[in-house]
Protein backbone atom coordinates (compact mmCIF):
# COMPACT_ATOMS: atom_id res chain seq x y z
CA MET A 1 -3.01 34.34 -28.22
CA LEU A 2 0.51 34.43 -26.81
CA ILE A 3 2.43 33.77 -30.05
CA HIS A 4 0.98 34.65 -33.45
CA MET A 5 3.33 34.15 -36.42
CA ARG A 6 2.42 34.53 -40.06
CA GLY A 7 4.69 33.96 -43.05
CA ILE A 8 7.89 34.00 -40.99
CA THR A 9 10.93 33.77 -43.26
CA LYS A 10 14.64 33.97 -42.55
CA ARG A 11 17.01 34.09 -45.51
CA TYR A 12 20.81 34.07 -45.54
CA GLN A 13 23.17 35.00 -48.36
CA MET A 14 25.57 32.08 -48.91
CA GLY A 15 27.95 33.23 -51.62
CA SER A 16 25.87 33.66 -54.76
CA HIS A 17 22.95 31.71 -53.29
CA VAL A 18 20.14 32.72 -50.94
CA VAL A 19 19.17 30.06 -48.41
CA ALA A 20 15.82 30.15 -46.61
CA ALA A 21 16.48 28.69 -43.15
CA VAL A 22 12.84 29.38 -42.27
CA ASP A 23 10.42 29.53 -45.17
CA GLY A 24 6.93 30.93 -44.60
CA VAL A 25 6.12 29.52 -41.15
CA ASP A 26 2.71 30.12 -39.58
CA LEU A 27 2.56 29.30 -35.86
CA ASP A 28 0.14 30.08 -33.06
CA VAL A 29 0.78 29.20 -29.41
CA GLU A 30 -1.75 29.79 -26.65
CA ARG A 31 -0.87 30.41 -23.02
CA ASN A 32 -0.12 27.28 -20.98
CA GLU A 33 0.64 25.16 -24.04
CA TYR A 34 3.48 22.64 -23.92
CA VAL A 35 4.99 22.43 -27.39
CA ALA A 36 7.85 20.36 -28.79
CA LEU A 37 9.52 22.03 -31.77
CA MET A 38 11.16 19.22 -33.70
CA GLY A 39 13.27 18.53 -36.75
CA PRO A 40 16.63 17.17 -37.85
CA SER A 41 19.77 19.25 -38.24
CA GLY A 42 19.17 21.84 -40.94
CA SER A 43 15.38 21.79 -40.57
CA GLY A 44 15.22 25.39 -39.37
CA LYS A 45 14.15 24.67 -35.80
CA THR A 46 17.09 26.52 -34.22
CA THR A 47 16.55 29.56 -36.43
CA LEU A 48 12.84 29.56 -35.60
CA MET A 49 13.67 29.18 -31.90
CA ASN A 50 15.95 32.23 -32.11
CA ILE A 51 13.15 34.23 -33.72
CA ILE A 52 10.61 33.10 -31.10
CA GLY A 53 13.10 34.10 -28.40
CA CYS A 54 13.76 37.51 -30.00
CA LEU A 55 17.43 36.56 -30.39
CA ASP A 56 17.07 37.06 -34.15
CA THR A 57 14.68 38.93 -36.42
CA PRO A 58 12.94 37.46 -39.46
CA THR A 59 13.56 38.57 -43.01
CA GLY A 60 9.84 38.59 -43.68
CA GLY A 61 6.50 37.94 -42.04
CA SER A 62 4.95 39.11 -38.78
CA TYR A 63 5.48 37.97 -35.20
CA VAL A 64 3.11 39.20 -32.52
CA LEU A 65 4.17 38.24 -28.99
CA ASP A 66 1.61 38.85 -26.26
CA GLY A 67 -0.12 41.48 -28.38
CA GLU A 68 3.01 43.31 -29.57
CA ASP A 69 4.51 43.08 -33.06
CA VAL A 70 8.12 42.40 -32.11
CA THR A 71 9.31 42.41 -35.74
CA ARG A 72 9.05 46.21 -35.60
CA LEU A 73 11.08 46.71 -32.43
CA ALA A 74 14.60 48.14 -32.16
CA ASP A 75 17.42 46.14 -30.55
CA ASP A 76 17.06 47.73 -27.09
CA ALA A 77 13.33 47.02 -27.05
CA LEU A 78 13.98 43.42 -28.11
CA ALA A 79 16.48 43.06 -25.26
CA TYR A 80 13.81 44.25 -22.84
CA ILE A 81 11.30 41.75 -24.27
CA ARG A 82 13.84 38.92 -23.94
CA ASN A 83 14.51 39.75 -20.32
CA ARG A 84 10.87 40.17 -19.29
CA GLU A 85 8.90 37.79 -21.49
CA ILE A 86 11.17 34.82 -22.24
CA GLY A 87 13.02 32.47 -19.94
CA PHE A 88 15.80 30.57 -21.70
CA VAL A 89 17.09 27.10 -20.82
CA PHE A 90 20.11 25.97 -22.82
CA GLN A 91 21.72 22.59 -23.38
CA THR A 92 25.04 23.88 -22.01
CA PHE A 93 23.41 25.55 -18.95
CA ASN A 94 25.20 28.91 -19.59
CA LEU A 95 25.93 29.48 -15.90
CA LEU A 96 28.65 31.80 -14.61
CA PRO A 97 31.28 29.43 -13.16
CA ARG A 98 32.42 31.72 -10.33
CA ALA A 99 28.91 32.65 -9.23
CA ASN A 100 26.86 30.47 -6.91
CA ALA A 101 23.37 29.20 -7.74
CA MET A 102 21.65 32.15 -6.11
CA GLN A 103 23.80 34.68 -7.98
CA ASN A 104 23.22 32.92 -11.30
CA VAL A 105 19.46 32.91 -10.81
CA GLU A 106 19.54 36.58 -9.81
CA LEU A 107 21.13 37.83 -13.06
CA PRO A 108 17.96 38.56 -15.08
CA LEU A 109 16.61 40.59 -12.15
CA ILE A 110 19.80 42.65 -11.93
CA TYR A 111 19.62 43.37 -15.65
CA GLY A 112 15.99 44.34 -15.19
CA GLY A 113 16.77 46.84 -12.41
CA VAL A 114 14.82 44.99 -9.70
CA ASP A 115 15.57 46.11 -6.15
CA ALA A 116 17.66 43.89 -3.86
CA ARG A 117 14.86 42.84 -1.49
CA THR A 118 12.55 41.80 -4.32
CA ARG A 119 15.43 40.00 -6.05
CA ARG A 120 16.10 37.91 -2.98
CA GLU A 121 12.43 36.94 -2.59
CA ARG A 122 12.11 35.96 -6.25
CA VAL A 123 15.36 34.02 -6.30
CA TRP A 124 14.40 31.95 -3.28
CA GLY A 125 11.00 31.31 -4.82
CA ALA A 126 12.57 30.13 -8.08
CA LEU A 127 15.06 27.87 -6.27
CA ARG A 128 12.22 26.37 -4.23
CA ALA A 129 10.29 25.73 -7.43
CA VAL A 130 13.13 23.53 -8.73
CA GLY A 131 13.98 21.94 -5.37
CA LEU A 132 17.39 23.56 -4.88
CA GLU A 133 17.06 25.81 -1.83
CA ASP A 134 19.77 23.78 -0.11
CA ARG A 135 22.21 24.38 -2.99
CA ALA A 136 21.85 28.17 -3.17
CA GLY A 137 25.45 28.79 -2.11
CA HIS A 138 27.03 26.19 -4.41
CA ARG A 139 28.93 27.05 -7.58
CA PRO A 140 28.25 25.12 -10.81
CA SER A 141 31.39 23.00 -10.33
CA GLU A 142 29.91 21.77 -7.03
CA LEU A 143 26.64 20.66 -8.64
CA SER A 144 25.69 17.68 -10.75
CA GLY A 145 24.61 18.17 -14.35
CA GLY A 146 20.96 17.81 -13.40
CA GLN A 147 21.34 20.34 -10.58
CA ARG A 148 23.04 22.81 -12.92
CA GLN A 149 20.13 22.51 -15.33
CA ARG A 150 17.73 23.12 -12.44
CA VAL A 151 19.63 26.32 -11.64
CA ALA A 152 19.24 27.31 -15.30
CA ILE A 153 15.50 26.58 -15.09
CA ALA A 154 15.21 28.64 -11.89
CA ARG A 155 16.96 31.51 -13.71
CA ALA A 156 14.44 31.14 -16.55
CA LEU A 157 11.55 31.26 -14.06
CA VAL A 158 12.69 34.14 -11.89
CA ASN A 159 11.11 36.92 -13.97
CA ASN A 160 7.83 34.99 -14.34
CA PRO A 161 8.17 35.04 -18.14
CA SER A 162 5.40 34.47 -20.66
CA ILE A 163 7.38 31.63 -22.27
CA ILE A 164 9.99 29.15 -21.12
CA LEU A 165 12.07 28.33 -24.20
CA ALA A 166 14.28 25.26 -23.76
CA ASP A 167 16.90 24.25 -26.35
CA GLU A 168 17.81 20.54 -26.10
CA PRO A 169 17.50 20.82 -22.29
CA THR A 170 18.62 17.25 -21.59
CA GLY A 171 21.37 17.06 -24.22
CA ASN A 172 24.22 17.16 -21.68
CA LEU A 173 22.55 14.95 -19.07
CA ASP A 174 22.45 11.22 -18.49
CA SER A 175 19.11 9.50 -18.98
CA ARG A 176 18.07 9.57 -15.33
CA ALA A 177 18.85 13.27 -14.89
CA GLY A 178 17.14 13.97 -18.20
CA GLU A 179 13.95 12.26 -17.04
CA ASP A 180 14.06 14.29 -13.82
CA ILE A 181 14.23 17.50 -15.84
CA MET A 182 11.32 16.43 -18.04
CA ARG A 183 9.24 15.65 -14.93
CA LEU A 184 10.06 19.13 -13.66
CA PHE A 185 8.89 20.61 -16.97
CA ALA A 186 5.63 18.67 -16.66
CA GLN A 187 5.09 20.12 -13.20
CA LEU A 188 5.84 23.65 -14.43
CA HIS A 189 3.28 23.18 -17.20
CA GLU A 190 0.70 21.99 -14.66
CA GLN A 191 1.38 25.20 -12.70
CA GLY A 192 0.40 27.27 -15.74
CA HIS A 193 3.69 27.94 -17.53
CA THR A 194 3.96 27.99 -21.32
CA LEU A 195 6.79 25.73 -22.51
CA ILE A 196 8.43 25.37 -25.92
CA VAL A 197 11.07 22.63 -26.00
CA VAL A 198 13.33 22.47 -29.06
CA THR A 199 14.65 18.97 -29.67
CA HIS A 200 15.54 16.35 -32.27
CA ASP A 201 14.79 13.56 -29.76
CA ASP A 202 11.40 11.83 -30.04
CA ALA A 203 11.65 10.62 -26.44
CA ILE A 204 11.99 14.19 -25.16
CA ALA A 205 9.27 15.48 -27.48
CA SER A 206 6.90 12.78 -26.23
CA HIS A 207 6.56 14.64 -22.93
CA ALA A 208 4.93 17.63 -24.64
CA LEU A 209 1.24 17.95 -25.51
CA ARG A 210 1.81 19.25 -29.03
CA GLU A 211 4.44 18.47 -31.64
CA VAL A 212 5.43 20.92 -34.38
CA ARG A 213 7.84 19.31 -36.84
CA LEU A 214 9.91 21.26 -39.35
CA HIS A 215 11.65 20.17 -42.54
CA ASP A 216 13.57 22.44 -44.90
CA GLY A 217 12.36 25.49 -43.00
CA ARG A 218 8.67 24.64 -43.24
CA VAL A 219 6.13 23.19 -40.82
CA VAL A 220 5.29 19.70 -42.08
CA THR A 221 3.22 18.47 -39.12
CA ASP A 222 1.49 20.20 -36.22
CA ARG A 223 -0.46 17.82 -34.01
CA ALA A 224 -1.66 17.27 -30.48
CA THR A 225 0.08 14.42 -28.65
CA ALA A 226 -0.48 12.36 -25.53
CA PRO A 227 2.19 13.01 -22.87
CA ALA A 228 4.66 10.27 -22.04
CA SER A 229 4.05 8.37 -18.83
CA GLY A 230 6.22 9.32 -15.89
CA GLY A 231 5.29 13.00 -15.79
CA GLU A 232 4.24 12.62 -12.18
CA GLY A 233 6.23 11.55 -9.21
CA PRO A 234 9.09 12.82 -7.05
CA MET A 235 11.89 14.70 -8.70
């Protein structure tokens, strides 16, 4: 089991009131699953995503990631887990504007202390995986929105993480570029990657093989789904 969560709760003090953004969530994710984490604004999906990604810690419950109880780890250990185990893809790309594609993809390896020769090999491999070898020297301003998101995906892949965690990955893209990105995700899943896509969009969620829907901080449905057509084909 890659992700094993039991009774995950996250509470915030709002004046004199306590609000449970996540309220007793149980969630298991196996390796090579493709999961859509869904819900409207205020459902708790972003808070749960932050906990899955070790960006936040729960108020209560247990979270075992790849055999390790991460709820017991200190901040520096959580930072190490984030860098090694989780590849993040954000709606806003989060690329350094003055760095080229290769330098942006290389960042997690630099933070991880990987030597220069190994960094170069891994970066080229990640750029090949997303079809951007010919854009390695381009800065974000010289790339289309879809290409920038591919750079972000290559950065997420470069450490060979246990999980690729994507937050509204097509939110800043037009429909055609968004479909290209979802086809790329389908191909990454076929290659053995574990994907969790956080979205409010049914059309994006339809590409996944499992849908977990939250409401008021609780899981209300958890079901297997058939993938949308169009997962194959050229990018």
